[in-house]
Amino acid sequence: AAVASAGPPGASPKGQRSPASRRTKPHDGGGCCGGYGGYGQMNFGSGMSMPSGMAPGMAPGMDQATMNMMSMQMMYNPAMAQAAAMYNPAMAQVALMGMQMNPLAMMPGGMNPMFGMPGNPMFGTPGAMNPMFPTMGGGALAMGKGMGSSKGGGKGGGKGGEGGKGRGGKRGKKAGSKEDQEFSPSGQEPADDPNRSAALTQVYREGTKSKLTLNEVMEQVLEFAKDQHGSKFLQSRLDEADKEDRQLVFTIIKPRVATLANDPFGNFIVQKFFDIGTVEQRKEMVLELYPKLGALSLDTHGCRVVQKAVQHVPRESQLQIAHKLQEDVVACIESMHGNHVIQKCIEQMPPDSVTFIIQAVETDARRMASHMYGCRVVQRLLEHCASHQLEQMLNAIIGQVDKLAIDNFGNYVVQHMLEHGRVEDKKFILNVVERNIVEFATNKCSSNVVEKALEIATVGEHAGQLEVERASLMNKVIGDASTLNPPLRQMMDDKFGNFIVQRMIEHARGPERDRLRQQLDAAAPVLHSSAHGKHILNALKKESQ
């Protein structure tokens, strides 16, 4: 089933480069535990570490020097002593030495706030009782044999972000994700569940090869809808079903559409009917969802259903959804889930139907433009609405350009205004960039704004009307023979500013290109000795070819 995309907080639209991803080395993440198969450190928490090259069973044969080192670490960190003994019984003798020197390490979990037994969220026994350390296959932080080990040894142990391969061999999955909906029969029969119907048990056993028909499971439709494998079964059968069978299933789920919409697996069935259902079925589902549309829009699974509804229902049903969302549109905009619903409304509804969103943003445009999720909504408005609709919002934002340009999220709004705003807005932003060129060019966020300004003024839609502002900006950066230390020199060896110089090489033309080359040639010795300068020289060489 199609799942609506939900980018990371503050993520820029598709195709838009983020300063964090473009200009800083991605963090390859050590995971919660590095894994016994790797080298380096295995972390048990703040200040808790032990050599990760140590394998289970090593303690009895450990040399004295290592034993002493470990016992001293445990003396100062009682949490580590208990962690080592709990997850590797072979380490018990080393743990005991640490405990003997530090009685605090012997205290039961309830008495020692540093470390706990079952029920202590800081640290507990392995498995479902401790969300920090699930059992093998139990989630994104799945553990293998011992602590942090994974299939295939230490190859994946030391790397990978959350849900990555490094935390448990295979990539972890969130419950209810699209991947979870895929069958993966292990060849073993699942544990018997007395509450599970015979039909669902058969689906568990046979997976996609099950011979069951939709008619044969009609009495168990709700049970199937709320089960991982049952939901996938229903989705595949609904794709193949005729109109009559689909109507039978719809009749069963319709009274419970709102409940299924925020179920980890049931939501996919509701989405499926928005995809394949008749116009009348879609309209009826909107009526069932209507009382809870606000709450569903803020829910992990419900927001996907509401987005699907907005995308597929007729205009009259879209207006019903918009009317309900008006009750608390700001909460939706600022929600990590709800903001996607608002974005979908802007993308799918006629511009005159999203006035309620525009009005909500206008009341606090500066804050919305710099909000982690609000900035996304502002960008969608700039893309899909006419300037005259957004006049009040644009005026409020343009007065704060100098502050928004250096903001982690506001810079995306300024870039979007350069691309989709009014001509006068673009001229104003170019002038602000010129006045603050060195500060903006050497800042991670605003350097993106400078790049976008150069691009828009050179090859953008209104480039012809921005000639004066563009020429003034280029002259300010390059300087002339009498300028001792032009902004160009201050930007060349900066980790962000050098990108601006590369873009100037790309967009320069005529006499300004010659002046730019003269300045760079004069600075060649400095550029050759600089890591950032070498990028500029490569760009210059490429442009000359």
Protein backbone atom coordinates (compact mmCIF):
# COMPACT_ATOMS: atom_id res chain seq x y z
CA ALA A 1 0.00 0.00 0.00
CA ALA A 2 1.24 3.46 -0.78
CA VAL A 3 2.45 5.31 2.27
CA ALA A 4 2.53 9.08 2.34
CA SER A 5 6.05 10.38 2.66
CA ALA A 6 7.07 12.07 5.85
CA GLY A 7 10.54 13.51 5.69
CA PRO A 8 12.72 14.14 8.63
CA PRO A 9 12.05 17.21 10.70
CA GLY A 10 13.13 20.30 8.84
CA ALA A 11 13.77 18.36 5.68
CA SER A 12 13.82 20.40 2.53
CA PRO A 13 11.60 19.55 -0.45
CA LYS A 14 12.71 16.98 -2.98
CA GLY A 15 15.62 18.23 -5.00
CA GLN A 16 16.52 20.97 -2.51
CA ARG A 17 19.96 20.61 -1.00
CA SER A 18 20.24 20.78 2.76
CA PRO A 19 23.28 22.43 4.38
CA ALA A 20 23.47 19.65 6.94
CA SER A 21 23.64 16.92 4.30
CA ARG A 22 25.72 18.79 1.73
CA ARG A 23 28.32 20.51 3.84
CA THR A 24 28.87 18.33 6.84
CA LYS A 25 30.07 14.77 6.90
CA PRO A 26 27.09 12.49 7.58
CA HIS A 27 27.24 10.92 11.00
CA ASP A 28 27.53 7.19 10.44
CA GLY A 29 26.22 6.56 13.92
CA GLY A 30 27.66 4.00 16.28
CA GLY A 31 24.30 2.59 17.27
CA CYS A 32 23.44 1.81 20.88
CA CYS A 33 26.08 -0.90 21.16
CA GLY A 34 28.99 -1.45 18.83
CA GLY A 35 28.83 -5.24 18.92
CA TYR A 36 31.28 -7.80 20.15
CA GLY A 37 32.58 -8.50 16.66
CA GLY A 38 34.02 -4.99 16.16
CA TYR A 39 36.72 -2.98 17.85
CA GLY A 40 36.66 0.19 19.87
CA GLN A 41 34.09 0.69 22.60
CA MET A 42 30.74 -0.80 23.49
CA ASN A 43 28.60 1.75 25.31
CA PHE A 44 26.25 0.87 28.14
CA GLY A 45 25.16 4.44 28.78
CA SER A 46 26.70 7.74 29.81
CA GLY A 47 30.25 7.05 30.88
CA MET A 48 29.83 3.28 30.56
CA SER A 49 32.11 1.49 28.10
CA MET A 50 34.10 -1.67 27.65
CA PRO A 51 36.33 -3.00 24.86
CA SER A 52 33.98 -4.37 22.23
CA GLY A 53 36.53 -6.85 20.92
CA MET A 54 35.87 -8.95 24.01
CA ALA A 55 33.85 -12.02 23.17
CA PRO A 56 31.59 -14.06 25.49
CA GLY A 57 33.64 -16.52 27.49
CA MET A 58 36.78 -14.44 27.42
CA ALA A 59 36.85 -13.58 31.11
CA PRO A 60 38.18 -16.93 32.47
CA GLY A 61 41.24 -16.72 30.22
CA MET A 62 41.74 -12.99 30.53
CA ASP A 63 45.24 -11.81 31.35
CA GLN A 64 45.75 -10.13 34.71
CA ALA A 65 46.43 -6.67 33.30
CA THR A 66 43.14 -6.63 31.41
CA MET A 67 41.33 -8.04 34.46
CA ASN A 68 42.71 -5.25 36.62
CA MET A 69 41.73 -2.62 34.09
CA MET A 70 38.18 -3.93 33.88
CA SER A 71 37.75 -4.19 37.63
CA MET A 72 38.95 -0.61 38.09
CA GLN A 73 36.45 0.62 35.49
CA MET A 74 33.69 -1.25 37.26
CA MET A 75 34.70 0.14 40.64
CA TYR A 76 34.09 3.67 39.36
CA ASN A 77 31.05 2.70 37.30
CA PRO A 78 28.78 0.25 39.14
CA ALA A 79 26.31 0.33 36.25
CA MET A 80 28.92 -1.27 34.05
CA ALA A 81 29.61 -3.99 36.62
CA GLN A 82 26.01 -5.15 36.63
CA ALA A 83 25.68 -4.71 32.86
CA ALA A 84 28.69 -6.92 32.21
CA ALA A 85 27.51 -9.63 34.57
CA MET A 86 23.95 -9.53 33.21
CA TYR A 87 24.74 -9.75 29.51
CA ASN A 88 27.85 -11.91 29.71
CA PRO A 89 27.95 -14.39 32.61
CA ALA A 90 31.61 -15.05 31.79
CA MET A 91 32.31 -11.52 32.99
CA ALA A 92 30.89 -12.26 36.43
CA GLN A 93 34.29 -12.75 38.03
CA VAL A 94 35.51 -9.39 36.70
CA ALA A 95 32.27 -7.76 37.81
CA LEU A 96 32.69 -9.28 41.28
CA MET A 97 36.10 -7.65 41.69
CA GLY A 98 34.59 -4.29 40.85
CA MET A 99 31.68 -4.85 43.24
CA GLN A 100 33.97 -5.85 46.09
CA MET A 101 35.80 -2.56 45.75
CA ASN A 102 32.60 -0.57 45.35
CA PRO A 103 29.64 -1.78 47.46
CA LEU A 104 27.30 0.53 45.52
CA ALA A 105 27.57 -1.84 42.59
CA MET A 106 25.99 -4.63 44.67
CA MET A 107 22.87 -2.67 45.52
CA PRO A 108 19.63 -3.93 43.91
CA GLY A 109 18.25 -1.96 41.01
CA GLY A 110 15.55 -0.25 43.02
CA MET A 111 18.13 1.15 45.46
CA ASN A 112 20.69 2.17 42.88
CA PRO A 113 19.38 4.94 40.58
CA MET A 114 22.34 4.47 38.27
CA PHE A 115 21.25 1.03 37.27
CA GLY A 116 18.07 -0.96 37.55
CA MET A 117 16.60 -4.35 37.11
CA PRO A 118 13.24 -4.98 35.38
CA GLY A 119 11.08 -1.91 35.40
CA ASN A 120 13.93 0.61 35.53
CA PRO A 121 13.87 2.51 32.21
CA MET A 122 17.58 3.28 32.54
CA PHE A 123 18.51 -0.34 32.23
CA GLY A 124 16.62 -3.59 32.60
CA THR A 125 16.73 -7.16 31.57
CA PRO A 126 17.00 -7.93 27.87
CA GLY A 127 13.79 -8.20 25.96
CA ALA A 128 10.42 -6.52 25.77
CA MET A 129 10.65 -5.27 29.40
CA ASN A 130 13.53 -3.03 28.38
CA PRO A 131 12.88 -0.88 25.30
CA MET A 132 16.55 0.05 25.18
CA PHE A 133 17.58 -3.55 24.56
CA PRO A 134 14.96 -5.61 22.70
CA THR A 135 15.54 -9.28 22.08
CA MET A 136 16.73 -10.60 18.72
CA GLY A 137 14.36 -9.49 15.97
CA GLY A 138 12.42 -7.39 18.47
CA GLY A 139 12.73 -4.03 16.77
CA ALA A 140 15.04 -1.33 15.50
CA LEU A 141 17.57 -1.99 18.28
CA ALA A 142 17.41 -5.76 17.87
CA MET A 143 20.10 -7.57 19.85
CA GLY A 144 21.94 -10.71 18.85
CA LYS A 145 23.75 -13.22 21.02
CA GLY A 146 25.38 -11.30 23.84
CA MET A 147 25.06 -7.53 23.78
CA GLY A 148 24.94 -5.71 20.47
CA SER A 149 26.23 -8.58 18.38
CA SER A 150 24.68 -9.26 15.03
CA LYS A 151 24.44 -11.90 12.35
CA GLY A 152 27.65 -11.98 10.47
CA GLY A 153 29.77 -10.90 13.44
CA GLY A 154 31.01 -7.37 13.87
CA LYS A 155 30.73 -6.16 10.29
CA GLY A 156 27.49 -4.36 10.99
CA GLY A 157 27.99 -3.82 14.69
CA GLY A 158 29.74 -0.50 14.74
CA LYS A 159 27.78 1.46 12.17
CA GLY A 160 24.24 2.32 11.23
CA GLY A 161 21.82 4.87 12.59
CA GLU A 162 18.55 4.16 14.31
CA GLY A 163 16.95 1.13 12.79
CA GLY A 164 20.18 0.52 10.90
CA LYS A 165 21.97 -2.74 10.21
CA GLY A 166 24.58 -2.03 12.86
CA ARG A 167 22.23 -2.48 15.78
CA GLY A 168 21.18 -6.02 15.20
CA GLY A 169 22.42 -7.38 11.92
CA LYS A 170 19.26 -6.96 9.89
CA ARG A 171 17.65 -3.60 9.47
CA GLY A 172 15.04 -2.94 12.12
CA LYS A 173 11.52 -1.93 11.07
CA LYS A 174 8.90 0.17 12.69
CA ALA A 175 5.68 -1.59 13.47
CA GLY A 176 3.12 -0.70 10.87
CA SER A 177 5.65 0.36 8.25
CA LYS A 178 5.23 -0.68 4.67
CA GLU A 179 8.04 -3.20 5.11
CA ASP A 180 6.15 -4.78 7.99
CA GLN A 181 3.30 -5.46 5.61
CA GLU A 182 5.45 -7.77 3.51
CA PHE A 183 5.25 -11.52 4.10
CA SER A 184 8.45 -13.19 5.16
CA PRO A 185 7.54 -16.79 6.14
CA SER A 186 10.45 -18.32 8.01
CA GLY A 187 9.48 -21.88 7.19
CA GLN A 188 8.46 -22.42 10.81
CA GLU A 189 4.93 -22.45 12.09
CA PRO A 190 4.16 -19.46 14.30
CA ALA A 191 3.39 -20.02 17.94
CA ASP A 192 -0.20 -21.07 18.45
CA ASP A 193 -2.52 -18.32 19.60
CA PRO A 194 -5.83 -19.55 20.98
CA ASN A 195 -7.42 -16.20 20.11
CA ARG A 196 -6.43 -16.39 16.47
CA SER A 197 -8.93 -17.76 13.97
CA ALA A 198 -8.10 -20.87 11.97
CA ALA A 199 -8.17 -18.82 8.77
CA LEU A 200 -5.62 -16.32 10.06
CA THR A 201 -3.43 -19.11 11.39
CA GLN A 202 -3.46 -20.62 7.91
CA VAL A 203 -2.37 -17.29 6.43
CA TYR A 204 0.45 -17.15 8.99
CA ARG A 205 1.52 -20.62 7.94
CA GLU A 206 1.21 -20.25 4.16
CA GLY A 207 1.92 -16.57 3.60
CA THR A 208 1.28 -15.30 0.08
CA LYS A 209 0.75 -18.85 -1.13
CA SER A 210 -2.43 -19.24 0.87
CA LYS A 211 -5.33 -20.68 -1.17
CA LEU A 212 -7.93 -18.88 0.93
CA THR A 213 -10.34 -16.64 -0.94
CA LEU A 214 -11.80 -13.34 0.20
CA ASN A 215 -15.21 -14.98 0.66
CA GLU A 216 -13.74 -17.59 2.98
CA VAL A 217 -12.41 -14.98 5.41
CA MET A 218 -15.35 -12.58 5.23
CA GLU A 219 -16.36 -13.32 8.84
CA GLN A 220 -12.82 -12.59 10.01
CA VAL A 221 -12.30 -9.35 8.02
CA LEU A 222 -11.88 -7.15 11.11
CA GLU A 223 -9.47 -9.61 12.70
CA PHE A 224 -7.45 -9.76 9.50
CA ALA A 225 -7.45 -5.98 9.11
CA LYS A 226 -5.77 -5.49 12.50
CA ASP A 227 -3.13 -8.15 11.97
CA GLN A 228 0.15 -7.67 10.15
CA HIS A 229 -0.18 -10.66 7.83
CA GLY A 230 -3.96 -10.53 7.71
CA SER A 231 -3.88 -6.91 6.53
CA LYS A 232 -1.47 -7.76 3.74
CA PHE A 233 -3.67 -10.69 2.74
CA LEU A 234 -6.77 -8.47 2.54
CA GLN A 235 -4.94 -5.83 0.50
CA SER A 236 -3.79 -8.37 -2.07
CA ARG A 237 -7.24 -9.99 -2.32
CA LEU A 238 -9.03 -6.62 -2.60
CA ASP A 239 -6.88 -5.76 -5.61
CA GLU A 240 -8.18 -8.89 -7.35
CA ALA A 241 -11.75 -8.84 -6.00
CA ASP A 242 -14.85 -8.02 -8.02
CA LYS A 243 -17.22 -5.18 -7.21
CA GLU A 244 -19.56 -7.35 -5.12
CA ASP A 245 -16.83 -8.76 -2.86
CA ARG A 246 -15.34 -5.34 -2.32
CA GLN A 247 -18.74 -4.03 -1.29
CA LEU A 248 -19.14 -6.87 1.22
CA VAL A 249 -15.80 -6.02 2.83
CA PHE A 250 -16.64 -2.30 2.78
CA THR A 251 -19.94 -2.92 4.54
CA ILE A 252 -18.07 -4.71 7.34
CA ILE A 253 -15.34 -2.13 7.88
CA LYS A 254 -17.36 1.06 7.31
CA PRO A 255 -18.70 1.41 10.90
CA ARG A 256 -15.14 0.94 12.22
CA VAL A 257 -13.25 3.05 9.69
CA ALA A 258 -12.21 5.63 12.31
CA THR A 259 -10.83 2.91 14.60
CA LEU A 260 -8.99 1.15 11.78
CA ALA A 261 -7.54 4.45 10.55
CA ASN A 262 -5.14 4.76 13.48
CA ASP A 263 -4.38 1.05 13.73
CA PRO A 264 -0.82 0.04 12.69
CA PHE A 265 -2.20 -2.44 10.14
CA GLY A 266 -5.85 -1.49 9.76
CA ASN A 267 -4.95 1.91 8.33
CA PHE A 268 -3.69 0.19 5.18
CA ILE A 269 -7.13 -1.29 4.55
CA VAL A 270 -8.75 2.14 4.84
CA GLN A 271 -6.13 3.59 2.50
CA LYS A 272 -6.78 0.75 0.07
CA PHE A 273 -10.46 1.65 -0.16
CA PHE A 274 -9.57 5.30 -0.85
CA ASP A 275 -7.44 3.94 -3.69
CA ILE A 276 -9.82 1.38 -5.21
CA GLY A 277 -13.23 2.26 -3.79
CA THR A 278 -16.07 3.87 -5.65
CA VAL A 279 -16.76 7.61 -5.32
CA GLU A 280 -19.69 6.85 -3.02
CA GLN A 281 -17.59 4.60 -0.79
CA ARG A 282 -14.96 7.31 -0.46
CA LYS A 283 -17.57 9.91 0.45
CA GLU A 284 -19.09 7.59 3.04
CA MET A 285 -15.70 6.96 4.62
CA VAL A 286 -15.08 10.71 4.95
CA LEU A 287 -18.38 11.02 6.83
CA GLU A 288 -17.31 8.21 9.17
CA LEU A 289 -13.91 9.83 9.74
CA TYR A 290 -15.24 13.39 10.07
CA PRO A 291 -15.76 13.52 13.88
CA LYS A 292 -12.19 12.36 14.50
CA LEU A 293 -10.38 14.04 11.60
CA GLY A 294 -8.46 16.38 13.90
CA ALA A 295 -7.15 13.61 16.14
CA LEU A 296 -6.40 11.33 13.19
CA SER A 297 -4.37 14.07 11.50
CA LEU A 298 -2.07 14.16 14.55
CA ASP A 299 -1.68 10.38 14.67
CA THR A 300 1.19 8.40 13.16
CA HIS A 301 -1.10 6.14 11.14
CA GLY A 302 -4.21 8.30 10.96
CA CYS A 303 -2.39 11.14 9.20
CA ARG A 304 -1.66 8.80 6.28
CA VAL A 305 -5.34 7.95 5.95
CA VAL A 306 -6.35 11.62 5.98
CA GLN A 307 -3.73 12.42 3.33
CA LYS A 308 -5.02 9.59 1.17
CA ALA A 309 -8.57 10.89 1.61
CA VAL A 310 -7.62 14.42 0.57
CA GLN A 311 -5.91 13.01 -2.49
CA HIS A 312 -8.78 10.85 -3.75
CA VAL A 313 -12.13 12.25 -2.60
CA PRO A 314 -14.25 14.64 -4.72
CA ARG A 315 -14.28 18.39 -4.13
CA GLU A 316 -17.29 18.38 -1.81
CA SER A 317 -15.61 15.88 0.51
CA GLN A 318 -12.39 17.88 0.44
CA LEU A 319 -14.35 20.90 1.65
CA GLN A 320 -15.77 18.82 4.52
CA ILE A 321 -12.24 17.83 5.54
CA ALA A 322 -11.05 21.44 5.31
CA HIS A 323 -13.96 22.61 7.45
CA LYS A 324 -13.08 20.14 10.21
CA LEU A 325 -9.35 20.94 10.11
CA GLN A 326 -10.12 24.64 10.61
CA GLU A 327 -10.95 23.89 14.24
CA ASP A 328 -7.26 23.59 15.15
CA VAL A 329 -5.17 24.13 12.05
CA VAL A 330 -2.19 25.55 13.97
CA ALA A 331 -1.86 22.31 15.97
CA CYS A 332 -1.78 20.39 12.69
CA ILE A 333 0.82 22.70 11.14
CA GLU A 334 3.12 22.31 14.14
CA SER A 335 2.64 18.54 14.43
CA MET A 336 5.22 16.13 13.04
CA HIS A 337 2.30 14.18 11.53
CA GLY A 338 -0.33 16.85 11.02
CA ASN A 339 1.91 19.09 8.92
CA HIS A 340 1.83 16.46 6.16
CA VAL A 341 -1.97 16.60 6.13
CA ILE A 342 -1.87 20.40 5.75
CA GLN A 343 0.73 20.15 2.98
CA LYS A 344 -1.46 17.61 1.17
CA CYS A 345 -4.44 19.98 1.43
CA ILE A 346 -2.40 22.77 -0.18
CA GLU A 347 -1.20 20.45 -2.94
CA GLN A 348 -4.55 18.82 -3.74
CA MET A 349 -7.22 21.43 -3.02
CA PRO A 350 -8.00 24.50 -5.13
CA PRO A 351 -6.19 27.62 -3.80
CA ASP A 352 -9.44 29.22 -2.68
CA SER A 353 -10.12 26.20 -0.42
CA VAL A 354 -6.97 26.67 1.68
CA THR A 355 -7.66 30.22 2.84
CA PHE A 356 -7.98 28.90 6.40
CA ILE A 357 -4.36 27.73 6.25
CA ILE A 358 -3.12 31.05 4.86
CA GLN A 359 -4.93 32.96 7.61
CA ALA A 360 -3.45 30.72 10.30
CA VAL A 361 0.08 31.31 8.98
CA GLU A 362 -0.44 35.07 8.57
CA THR A 363 -1.18 35.53 12.27
CA ASP A 364 2.41 34.57 13.15
CA ALA A 365 4.29 34.34 9.87
CA ARG A 366 7.77 34.92 11.34
CA ARG A 367 7.42 32.04 13.80
CA MET A 368 5.83 29.74 11.23
CA ALA A 369 8.64 30.41 8.74
CA SER A 370 11.27 29.36 11.31
CA HIS A 371 9.30 26.43 12.73
CA MET A 372 10.55 22.90 12.05
CA TYR A 373 7.25 21.91 10.40
CA GLY A 374 5.68 25.31 9.78
CA CYS A 375 8.43 26.16 7.27
CA ARG A 376 7.25 23.24 5.12
CA VAL A 377 3.70 24.58 5.04
CA VAL A 378 4.94 28.07 4.08
CA GLN A 379 6.95 26.56 1.23
CA ARG A 380 3.92 24.68 -0.12
CA LEU A 381 1.88 27.90 0.01
CA LEU A 382 4.56 29.70 -2.01
CA GLU A 383 4.47 26.90 -4.59
CA HIS A 384 0.71 26.57 -5.03
CA CYS A 385 -0.92 29.91 -4.20
CA ALA A 386 -0.94 33.21 -6.07
CA SER A 387 1.06 36.13 -4.69
CA HIS A 388 -2.06 38.24 -4.12
CA GLN A 389 -3.41 35.53 -1.79
CA LEU A 390 -0.19 35.56 0.22
CA GLU A 391 0.47 39.31 0.27
CA GLN A 392 0.13 39.72 4.04
CA MET A 393 2.29 36.63 4.73
CA LEU A 394 4.95 37.72 2.23
CA ASN A 395 5.16 41.21 3.70
CA ALA A 396 5.62 39.79 7.19
CA ILE A 397 8.35 37.39 6.10
CA ILE A 398 10.28 39.81 3.87
CA GLY A 399 10.84 42.12 6.83
CA GLN A 400 12.64 39.31 8.66
CA VAL A 401 14.81 38.00 5.81
CA ASP A 402 18.12 38.80 7.53
CA LYS A 403 17.12 36.69 10.55
CA LEU A 404 15.40 33.90 8.62
CA ALA A 405 18.37 33.47 6.26
CA ILE A 406 20.59 32.27 9.12
CA ASP A 407 17.87 30.15 10.71
CA ASN A 408 18.01 26.34 10.46
CA PHE A 409 14.52 26.22 8.94
CA GLY A 410 13.82 29.80 7.91
CA ASN A 411 16.56 29.69 5.27
CA TYR A 412 14.44 27.25 3.24
CA VAL A 413 11.59 29.77 3.21
CA VAL A 414 13.92 32.55 1.99
CA GLN A 415 15.21 30.28 -0.78
CA HIS A 416 11.62 29.51 -1.78
CA MET A 417 10.79 33.19 -1.88
CA LEU A 418 13.71 33.68 -4.27
CA GLU A 419 12.27 30.97 -6.47
CA HIS A 420 8.51 31.56 -6.19
CA GLY A 421 8.12 35.07 -4.76
CA ARG A 422 7.34 38.41 -6.32
CA VAL A 423 9.99 40.28 -8.31
CA GLU A 424 10.18 43.00 -5.66
CA ASP A 425 10.75 40.35 -3.00
CA LYS A 426 13.64 38.88 -4.97
CA LYS A 427 15.25 42.30 -5.40
CA PHE A 428 14.92 42.99 -1.69
CA ILE A 429 16.52 39.64 -0.76
CA LEU A 430 19.42 40.23 -3.17
CA ASN A 431 20.09 43.58 -1.51
CA VAL A 432 20.04 41.98 1.95
CA VAL A 433 22.47 39.31 0.75
CA GLU A 434 24.81 41.99 -0.64
CA ARG A 435 24.82 43.94 2.65
CA ASN A 436 25.60 40.81 4.66
CA ILE A 437 27.64 38.89 2.10
CA VAL A 438 30.58 37.73 4.27
CA GLU A 439 28.38 36.78 7.23
CA PHE A 440 25.88 34.96 5.00
CA ALA A 441 28.50 33.21 2.86
CA THR A 442 30.33 31.78 5.88
CA ASN A 443 27.22 30.52 7.66
CA LYS A 444 25.98 26.98 7.08
CA CYS A 445 22.34 27.99 6.59
CA SER A 446 22.55 31.37 4.90
CA SER A 447 25.26 30.22 2.48
CA ASN A 448 22.50 28.24 0.79
CA VAL A 449 20.53 31.46 0.42
CA VAL A 450 23.53 33.17 -1.23
CA GLU A 451 23.89 30.28 -3.70
CA LYS A 452 20.18 30.41 -4.53
CA ALA A 453 20.38 34.19 -4.98
CA LEU A 454 23.22 33.84 -7.50
CA GLU A 455 21.31 31.15 -9.39
CA ILE A 456 17.98 32.98 -9.51
CA ALA A 457 19.60 36.29 -10.53
CA THR A 458 21.49 34.58 -13.36
CA VAL A 459 19.20 31.89 -14.79
CA GLY A 460 15.94 32.27 -12.87
CA GLU A 461 12.50 33.19 -14.19
CA HIS A 462 12.99 36.92 -13.51
CA ALA A 463 16.74 37.09 -14.18
CA GLY A 464 16.27 39.83 -16.76
CA GLN A 465 14.60 42.07 -14.17
CA LEU A 466 17.32 41.40 -11.60
CA GLU A 467 20.34 42.48 -13.68
CA VAL A 468 21.09 45.58 -11.60
CA GLU A 469 20.96 43.74 -8.28
CA ARG A 470 23.00 40.84 -9.65
CA ALA A 471 25.77 43.10 -11.00
CA SER A 472 25.96 44.97 -7.71
CA LEU A 473 26.26 41.71 -5.74
CA MET A 474 29.02 40.32 -7.99
CA ASN A 475 30.99 43.59 -7.83
CA LYS A 476 30.72 43.65 -4.05
CA VAL A 477 32.13 40.11 -3.75
CA ILE A 478 34.92 40.38 -6.35
CA GLY A 479 36.02 43.90 -5.52
CA ASP A 480 38.43 45.87 -7.75
CA ALA A 481 42.14 46.60 -7.95
CA SER A 482 41.91 49.10 -5.10
CA THR A 483 40.16 46.68 -2.71
CA LEU A 484 42.77 45.18 -0.39
CA ASN A 485 40.66 42.44 1.15
CA PRO A 486 37.49 41.87 -0.89
CA PRO A 487 34.81 39.48 0.40
CA LEU A 488 36.01 36.94 -2.16
CA ARG A 489 39.33 36.55 -0.28
CA GLN A 490 37.48 36.07 3.03
CA MET A 491 35.24 33.40 1.54
CA MET A 492 37.81 31.30 -0.35
CA ASP A 493 39.18 29.31 2.58
CA ASP A 494 35.93 28.99 4.49
CA LYS A 495 34.19 25.61 4.70
CA PHE A 496 30.94 27.17 3.51
CA GLY A 497 32.18 30.24 1.66
CA ASN A 498 34.17 28.18 -0.82
CA PHE A 499 30.89 26.82 -2.20
CA ILE A 500 29.81 30.39 -2.96
CA VAL A 501 33.05 31.02 -4.87
CA GLN A 502 32.47 27.83 -6.88
CA ARG A 503 28.97 28.99 -7.79
CA MET A 504 30.34 32.40 -8.79
CA ILE A 505 32.77 30.69 -11.17
CA GLU A 506 29.79 28.84 -12.63
CA HIS A 507 27.57 31.92 -13.04
CA ALA A 508 30.11 34.68 -13.82
CA ARG A 509 30.11 36.15 -17.33
CA GLY A 510 31.77 38.83 -19.40
CA PRO A 511 34.12 41.31 -17.68
CA GLU A 512 33.18 40.06 -14.22
CA ARG A 513 34.41 36.58 -15.17
CA ASP A 514 37.83 38.04 -16.10
CA ARG A 515 38.07 40.01 -12.85
CA LEU A 516 37.09 36.94 -10.86
CA ARG A 517 39.77 34.84 -12.56
CA GLN A 518 42.40 37.53 -11.91
CA GLN A 519 41.59 37.56 -8.21
CA LEU A 520 41.72 33.77 -7.99
CA ASP A 521 44.95 33.55 -9.96
CA ALA A 522 46.54 36.06 -7.57
CA ALA A 523 45.43 33.89 -4.64
CA ALA A 524 46.60 30.63 -6.23
CA PRO A 525 49.43 29.95 -3.72
CA VAL A 526 46.96 30.23 -0.84
CA LEU A 527 44.39 28.09 -2.63
CA HIS A 528 46.92 25.34 -3.38
CA SER A 529 47.78 25.01 0.32
CA SER A 530 44.14 24.89 1.44
CA ALA A 531 41.76 21.93 1.40
CA HIS A 532 38.86 24.23 0.51
CA GLY A 533 40.96 26.17 -1.96
CA LYS A 534 41.65 23.03 -3.99
CA HIS A 535 37.91 22.70 -4.63
CA ILE A 536 37.90 26.22 -6.05
CA LEU A 537 40.88 25.49 -8.29
CA ASN A 538 39.17 22.34 -9.58
CA ALA A 539 36.02 24.33 -10.35
CA LEU A 540 38.10 26.96 -12.13
CA LYS A 541 39.87 24.30 -14.19
CA LYS A 542 36.57 22.62 -15.09
CA GLU A 543 35.05 25.92 -16.18
CA SER A 544 38.05 26.63 -18.42
CA GLN A 545 37.72 23.37 -20.34
